Amino acid sequence: MHEVTVIEDPAAAEASLDPMRSKLLAALVEPGSATSLAQKVGLARQKVNYHLRTLERHGLVQLVEERKKGNVTERVMQATAASFVISPAALSSVQPDPARFADRLSARWLLAVAAQLVRDVGALISGAAAAQKRVATFAIDGEVRFASAADRAAFAEELAHCVTSLVSKYHDESAEGGRDHRLVVAVHPAVKEER
């Protein structure tokens, strides 16, 4: 099971967004059968089986074991990932495009860039899985507390200068066999999760 998988197919996205199927996906972080899941989610076993077949058809759950119980074969399923992210590619005709935004300081432009990041990394993961390779990535995630808006602006300016300096140091347009990489740096107010 993967920690996180990106859903790119619109039909798979639709299947995962059904409230009952979403509950089943959450429950199937640990293997379970239709019978055991029916008790957990309060639904008839036959209806759970219907939902499981839909999730299986879209690659969101997989068979891990079959158990014979008298005349019945019990199928034990597990989610293919602990969590899922829906790629903007699933909404291809309306997915965000950062190029359509003039204001690169707006939160909506940042959201469009983040959506592009999810789409691109999802496609890279899918391609790497098909080729049985790993994807070389790097990310930094952290928080910084600014004393004032002026400090935040100064930080953003200094960060831009540092990143620009690093890019000009390492970018080699003429490198034969070189591979382009996308760089995304973002700063936004932290959102505190309620627990």
C-alpha atoms as a PDB file:
ATOM      1  CA  MET A   1       0.000   0.000   0.000  1.00  0.00           C
ATOM      2  CA  HIS A   2       1.224   3.477  -0.875  1.00  0.00           C
ATOM      3  CA  GLU A   3       1.066   6.331   1.621  1.00  0.00           C
ATOM      4  CA  VAL A   4      -0.631   8.594  -0.920  1.00  0.00           C
ATOM      5  CA  THR A   5      -1.869   8.104  -4.477  1.00  0.00           C
ATOM      6  CA  VAL A   6      -3.007  10.720  -6.972  1.00  0.00           C
ATOM      7  CA  ILE A   7      -6.308   9.966  -8.710  1.00  0.00           C
ATOM      8  CA  GLU A   8      -6.141  11.209 -12.305  1.00  0.00           C
ATOM      9  CA  ASP A   9      -9.127   9.416 -13.845  1.00  0.00           C
ATOM     10  CA  PRO A  10     -12.442  11.342 -13.611  1.00  0.00           C
ATOM     11  CA  ALA A  11     -14.482   8.156 -13.058  1.00  0.00           C
ATOM     12  CA  ALA A  12     -12.153   7.030 -10.250  1.00  0.00           C
ATOM     13  CA  ALA A  13     -12.409  10.501  -8.693  1.00  0.00           C
ATOM     14  CA  GLU A  14     -16.198  10.315  -8.849  1.00  0.00           C
ATOM     15  CA  ALA A  15     -16.170   6.840  -7.285  1.00  0.00           C
ATOM     16  CA  SER A  16     -13.919   7.974  -4.437  1.00  0.00           C
ATOM     17  CA  LEU A  17     -16.055  11.028  -3.638  1.00  0.00           C
ATOM     18  CA  ASP A  18     -19.172   8.989  -2.843  1.00  0.00           C
ATOM     19  CA  PRO A  19     -19.543   9.365   0.961  1.00  0.00           C
ATOM     20  CA  MET A  20     -19.981   5.618   1.598  1.00  0.00           C
ATOM     21  CA  ARG A  21     -17.074   4.667  -0.651  1.00  0.00           C
ATOM     22  CA  SER A  22     -14.922   7.269   1.067  1.00  0.00           C
ATOM     23  CA  LYS A  23     -15.780   5.638   4.417  1.00  0.00           C
ATOM     24  CA  LEU A  24     -14.890   2.232   2.998  1.00  0.00           C
ATOM     25  CA  LEU A  25     -11.556   3.521   1.687  1.00  0.00           C
ATOM     26  CA  ALA A  26     -10.740   4.900   5.135  1.00  0.00           C
ATOM     27  CA  ALA A  27     -11.696   1.597   6.782  1.00  0.00           C
ATOM     28  CA  LEU A  28      -9.639  -0.392   4.275  1.00  0.00           C
ATOM     29  CA  VAL A  29      -6.316   1.005   5.432  1.00  0.00           C
ATOM     30  CA  GLU A  30      -6.440  -2.368   7.188  1.00  0.00           C
ATOM     31  CA  PRO A  31      -7.638  -5.367   5.145  1.00  0.00           C
ATOM     32  CA  GLY A  32     -11.309  -6.195   5.497  1.00  0.00           C
ATOM     33  CA  SER A  33     -14.126  -8.186   3.955  1.00  0.00           C
ATOM     34  CA  ALA A  34     -17.609  -7.029   2.970  1.00  0.00           C
ATOM     35  CA  THR A  35     -18.941  -8.722   6.097  1.00  0.00           C
ATOM     36  CA  SER A  36     -16.558  -6.982   8.500  1.00  0.00           C
ATOM     37  CA  LEU A  37     -17.002  -3.652   6.730  1.00  0.00           C
ATOM     38  CA  ALA A  38     -20.801  -3.928   6.764  1.00  0.00           C
ATOM     39  CA  GLN A  39     -20.711  -3.973  10.565  1.00  0.00           C
ATOM     40  CA  LYS A  40     -18.360  -0.965  10.697  1.00  0.00           C
ATOM     41  CA  VAL A  41     -20.317   1.259   8.304  1.00  0.00           C
ATOM     42  CA  GLY A  42     -23.851   0.056   9.082  1.00  0.00           C
ATOM     43  CA  LEU A  43     -24.719  -1.134   5.584  1.00  0.00           C
ATOM     44  CA  ALA A  44     -25.890  -4.494   4.234  1.00  0.00           C
ATOM     45  CA  ARG A  45     -23.053  -6.789   3.091  1.00  0.00           C
ATOM     46  CA  GLN A  46     -24.448  -6.904  -0.463  1.00  0.00           C
ATOM     47  CA  LYS A  47     -24.371  -3.102  -0.725  1.00  0.00           C
ATOM     48  CA  VAL A  48     -20.822  -3.030   0.665  1.00  0.00           C
ATOM     49  CA  ASN A  49     -19.861  -5.620  -1.970  1.00  0.00           C
ATOM     50  CA  TYR A  50     -21.340  -3.391  -4.682  1.00  0.00           C
ATOM     51  CA  HIS A  51     -19.269  -0.419  -3.499  1.00  0.00           C
ATOM     52  CA  LEU A  52     -16.128  -2.559  -3.162  1.00  0.00           C
ATOM     53  CA  ARG A  53     -16.461  -3.804  -6.742  1.00  0.00           C
ATOM     54  CA  THR A  54     -16.749  -0.210  -7.950  1.00  0.00           C
ATOM     55  CA  LEU A  55     -13.664   0.829  -5.973  1.00  0.00           C
ATOM     56  CA  GLU A  56     -11.783  -2.235  -7.235  1.00  0.00           C
ATOM     57  CA  ARG A  57     -12.720  -1.503 -10.855  1.00  0.00           C
ATOM     58  CA  HIS A  58     -11.093   1.935 -10.469  1.00  0.00           C
ATOM     59  CA  GLY A  59      -7.951   0.604  -8.781  1.00  0.00           C
ATOM     60  CA  LEU A  60      -8.700   2.171  -5.406  1.00  0.00           C
ATOM     61  CA  VAL A  61      -8.875  -1.168  -3.549  1.00  0.00           C
ATOM     62  CA  GLN A  62      -7.291  -4.508  -4.289  1.00  0.00           C
ATOM     63  CA  LEU A  63      -7.814  -8.122  -3.365  1.00  0.00           C
ATOM     64  CA  VAL A  64      -5.333  -9.309  -0.736  1.00  0.00           C
ATOM     65  CA  GLU A  65      -6.810 -12.677   0.170  1.00  0.00           C
ATOM     66  CA  GLU A  66      -9.666 -15.077  -0.544  1.00  0.00           C
ATOM     67  CA  ARG A  67     -11.002 -17.241   2.292  1.00  0.00           C
ATOM     68  CA  LYS A  68     -13.295 -20.234   1.847  1.00  0.00           C
ATOM     69  CA  LYS A  69     -16.142 -20.329   4.348  1.00  0.00           C
ATOM     70  CA  GLY A  70     -18.348 -23.291   3.505  1.00  0.00           C
ATOM     71  CA  ASN A  71     -19.848 -22.659   0.061  1.00  0.00           C
ATOM     72  CA  VAL A  72     -18.853 -18.994   0.110  1.00  0.00           C
ATOM     73  CA  THR A  73     -15.565 -17.386  -0.812  1.00  0.00           C
ATOM     74  CA  GLU A  74     -14.899 -14.306   1.287  1.00  0.00           C
ATOM     75  CA  ARG A  75     -12.837 -11.647  -0.495  1.00  0.00           C
ATOM     76  CA  VAL A  76     -10.526  -9.612   1.740  1.00  0.00           C
ATOM     77  CA  MET A  77      -9.769  -6.197   0.262  1.00  0.00           C
ATOM     78  CA  GLN A  78      -7.408  -3.358   1.105  1.00  0.00           C
ATOM     79  CA  ALA A  79      -7.129   0.220  -0.135  1.00  0.00           C
ATOM     80  CA  THR A  80      -4.279   0.737  -2.589  1.00  0.00           C
ATOM     81  CA  ALA A  81      -3.203   3.807  -0.591  1.00  0.00           C
ATOM     82  CA  ALA A  82      -3.606   5.192   2.910  1.00  0.00           C
ATOM     83  CA  SER A  83      -4.785   8.478   1.415  1.00  0.00           C
ATOM     84  CA  PHE A  84      -5.762   9.862  -1.972  1.00  0.00           C
ATOM     85  CA  VAL A  85      -5.435  13.217  -3.726  1.00  0.00           C
ATOM     86  CA  ILE A  86      -7.569  14.061  -6.741  1.00  0.00           C
ATOM     87  CA  SER A  87      -5.510  15.577  -9.539  1.00  0.00           C
ATOM     88  CA  PRO A  88      -6.824  18.608 -11.391  1.00  0.00           C
ATOM     89  CA  ALA A  89      -6.308  16.414 -14.475  1.00  0.00           C
ATOM     90  CA  ALA A  90      -9.541  14.668 -13.437  1.00  0.00           C
ATOM     91  CA  LEU A  91     -11.282  17.955 -14.311  1.00  0.00           C
ATOM     92  CA  SER A  92      -9.198  18.512 -17.425  1.00  0.00           C
ATOM     93  CA  SER A  93     -11.372  21.113 -19.116  1.00  0.00           C
ATOM     94  CA  VAL A  94     -11.616  23.312 -15.996  1.00  0.00           C
ATOM     95  CA  GLN A  95      -8.315  22.611 -14.251  1.00  0.00           C
ATOM     96  CA  PRO A  96      -6.455  25.717 -13.047  1.00  0.00           C
ATOM     97  CA  ASP A  97      -3.792  27.210 -15.311  1.00  0.00           C
ATOM     98  CA  PRO A  98      -1.291  29.542 -13.623  1.00  0.00           C
ATOM     99  CA  ALA A  99      -0.578  31.184 -16.996  1.00  0.00           C
ATOM    100  CA  ARG A 100      -4.089  32.720 -16.941  1.00  0.00           C
ATOM    101  CA  PHE A 101      -3.283  34.813 -13.854  1.00  0.00           C
ATOM    102  CA  ALA A 102      -1.661  38.235 -14.049  1.00  0.00           C
ATOM    103  CA  ASP A 103      -1.236  38.700 -10.286  1.00  0.00           C
ATOM    104  CA  ARG A 104       1.504  36.346  -9.120  1.00  0.00           C
ATOM    105  CA  LEU A 105       1.066  37.582  -5.563  1.00  0.00           C
ATOM    106  CA  SER A 106      -2.562  36.456  -5.377  1.00  0.00           C
ATOM    107  CA  ALA A 107      -3.684  33.439  -3.368  1.00  0.00           C
ATOM    108  CA  ARG A 108      -5.613  32.174  -6.407  1.00  0.00           C
ATOM    109  CA  TRP A 109      -2.440  32.104  -8.522  1.00  0.00           C
ATOM    110  CA  LEU A 110      -0.719  30.162  -5.727  1.00  0.00           C
ATOM    111  CA  LEU A 111      -3.644  27.724  -5.722  1.00  0.00           C
ATOM    112  CA  ALA A 112      -3.329  27.281  -9.501  1.00  0.00           C
ATOM    113  CA  VAL A 113       0.417  26.603  -9.090  1.00  0.00           C
ATOM    114  CA  ALA A 114      -0.313  24.079  -6.329  1.00  0.00           C
ATOM    115  CA  ALA A 115      -2.888  22.370  -8.558  1.00  0.00           C
ATOM    116  CA  GLN A 116      -0.314  22.182 -11.357  1.00  0.00           C
ATOM    117  CA  LEU A 117       2.146  20.672  -8.864  1.00  0.00           C
ATOM    118  CA  VAL A 118      -0.365  17.973  -7.877  1.00  0.00           C
ATOM    119  CA  ARG A 119      -1.136  17.240 -11.534  1.00  0.00           C
ATOM    120  CA  ASP A 120       2.524  17.072 -12.582  1.00  0.00           C
ATOM    121  CA  VAL A 121       3.744  15.004  -9.643  1.00  0.00           C
ATOM    122  CA  GLY A 122       0.775  12.655 -10.054  1.00  0.00           C
ATOM    123  CA  ALA A 123       1.693  12.132 -13.710  1.00  0.00           C
ATOM    124  CA  LEU A 124       5.352  11.577 -12.754  1.00  0.00           C
ATOM    125  CA  ILE A 125       4.375   8.980 -10.153  1.00  0.00           C
ATOM    126  CA  SER A 126       2.150   7.157 -12.645  1.00  0.00           C
ATOM    127  CA  GLY A 127       4.866   7.164 -15.305  1.00  0.00           C
ATOM    128  CA  ALA A 128       7.543   6.046 -12.852  1.00  0.00           C
ATOM    129  CA  ALA A 129       5.337   3.217 -11.574  1.00  0.00           C
ATOM    130  CA  ALA A 130       4.747   1.996 -15.130  1.00  0.00           C
ATOM    131  CA  ALA A 131       8.513   2.117 -15.802  1.00  0.00           C
ATOM    132  CA  GLN A 132       9.271   0.633 -12.353  1.00  0.00           C
ATOM    133  CA  LYS A 133      11.462   3.598 -11.472  1.00  0.00           C
ATOM    134  CA  ARG A 134      11.584   6.210  -8.729  1.00  0.00           C
ATOM    135  CA  VAL A 135      10.952   9.923  -9.176  1.00  0.00           C
ATOM    136  CA  ALA A 136      13.723  12.250  -7.964  1.00  0.00           C
ATOM    137  CA  THR A 137      12.030  15.003  -5.958  1.00  0.00           C
ATOM    138  CA  PHE A 138      12.855  17.333  -3.087  1.00  0.00           C
ATOM    139  CA  ALA A 139      10.615  19.455  -0.878  1.00  0.00           C
ATOM    140  CA  ILE A 140      10.911  21.654   2.159  1.00  0.00           C
ATOM    141  CA  ASP A 141       7.944  22.292   4.399  1.00  0.00           C
ATOM    142  CA  GLY A 142       8.074  24.461   7.488  1.00  0.00           C
ATOM    143  CA  GLU A 143       6.675  27.465   9.259  1.00  0.00           C
ATOM    144  CA  VAL A 144       8.086  30.875  10.020  1.00  0.00           C
ATOM    145  CA  ARG A 145       6.486  33.518  12.266  1.00  0.00           C
ATOM    146  CA  PHE A 146       6.903  37.110  11.095  1.00  0.00           C
ATOM    147  CA  ALA A 147       6.750  40.011  13.525  1.00  0.00           C
ATOM    148  CA  SER A 148       5.240  42.279  10.887  1.00  0.00           C
ATOM    149  CA  ALA A 149       4.075  42.537   7.289  1.00  0.00           C
ATOM    150  CA  ALA A 150       7.289  44.455   6.561  1.00  0.00           C
ATOM    151  CA  ASP A 151       9.344  41.500   7.845  1.00  0.00           C
ATOM    152  CA  ARG A 152       7.305  39.138   5.654  1.00  0.00           C
ATOM    153  CA  ALA A 153       7.935  41.319   2.606  1.00  0.00           C
ATOM    154  CA  ALA A 154      11.662  41.539   3.381  1.00  0.00           C
ATOM    155  CA  PHE A 155      11.802  37.754   3.827  1.00  0.00           C
ATOM    156  CA  ALA A 156      10.043  37.207   0.482  1.00  0.00           C
ATOM    157  CA  GLU A 157      12.463  39.569  -1.251  1.00  0.00           C
ATOM    158  CA  GLU A 158      15.517  37.883   0.294  1.00  0.00           C
ATOM    159  CA  LEU A 159      14.147  34.420  -0.465  1.00  0.00           C
ATOM    160  CA  ALA A 160      13.549  35.414  -4.095  1.00  0.00           C
ATOM    161  CA  HIS A 161      17.106  36.733  -4.303  1.00  0.00           C
ATOM    162  CA  CYS A 162      18.570  33.515  -2.812  1.00  0.00           C
ATOM    163  CA  VAL A 163      16.523  31.271  -5.097  1.00  0.00           C
ATOM    164  CA  THR A 164      17.363  33.354  -8.165  1.00  0.00           C
ATOM    165  CA  SER A 165      21.042  33.175  -7.249  1.00  0.00           C
ATOM    166  CA  LEU A 166      20.912  29.379  -6.850  1.00  0.00           C
ATOM    167  CA  VAL A 167      19.041  28.941 -10.117  1.00  0.00           C
ATOM    168  CA  SER A 168      21.567  31.052 -12.031  1.00  0.00           C
ATOM    169  CA  LYS A 169      24.424  29.105 -10.418  1.00  0.00           C
ATOM    170  CA  TYR A 170      23.102  25.637 -11.337  1.00  0.00           C
ATOM    171  CA  HIS A 171      20.939  26.156 -14.426  1.00  0.00           C
ATOM    172  CA  ASP A 172      22.779  24.988 -17.537  1.00  0.00           C
ATOM    173  CA  GLU A 173      20.726  25.491 -20.680  1.00  0.00           C
ATOM    174  CA  SER A 174      23.435  23.832 -22.799  1.00  0.00           C
ATOM    175  CA  ALA A 175      23.846  20.696 -20.648  1.00  0.00           C
ATOM    176  CA  GLU A 176      23.602  17.781 -23.062  1.00  0.00           C
ATOM    177  CA  GLY A 177      21.378  15.122 -21.535  1.00  0.00           C
ATOM    178  CA  GLY A 178      20.316  17.523 -18.787  1.00  0.00           C
ATOM    179  CA  ARG A 179      16.792  17.374 -17.479  1.00  0.00           C
ATOM    180  CA  ASP A 180      14.593  20.363 -16.673  1.00  0.00           C
ATOM    181  CA  HIS A 181      13.098  20.500 -13.179  1.00  0.00           C
ATOM    182  CA  ARG A 182      10.253  22.672 -11.937  1.00  0.00           C
ATOM    183  CA  LEU A 183      10.883  24.747  -8.814  1.00  0.00           C
ATOM    184  CA  VAL A 184       7.978  25.963  -6.693  1.00  0.00           C
ATOM    185  CA  VAL A 185       8.547  28.176  -3.641  1.00  0.00           C
ATOM    186  CA  ALA A 186       5.510  29.405  -1.762  1.00  0.00           C
ATOM    187  CA  VAL A 187       4.781  31.357   1.378  1.00  0.00           C
ATOM    188  CA  HIS A 188       1.259  31.608   2.754  1.00  0.00           C
ATOM    189  CA  PRO A 189      -0.359  32.057   6.160  1.00  0.00           C
ATOM    190  CA  ALA A 190      -0.433  28.808   8.121  1.00  0.00           C
ATOM    191  CA  VAL A 191      -3.815  27.156   8.564  1.00  0.00           C
ATOM    192  CA  LYS A 192      -4.283  25.583  11.980  1.00  0.00           C
ATOM    193  CA  GLU A 193      -6.081  22.266  11.812  1.00  0.00           C
ATOM    194  CA  GLU A 194      -8.829  21.681  14.350  1.00  0.00           C
ATOM    195  CA  ARG A 195      -8.417  18.395  16.193  1.00  0.00           C
END
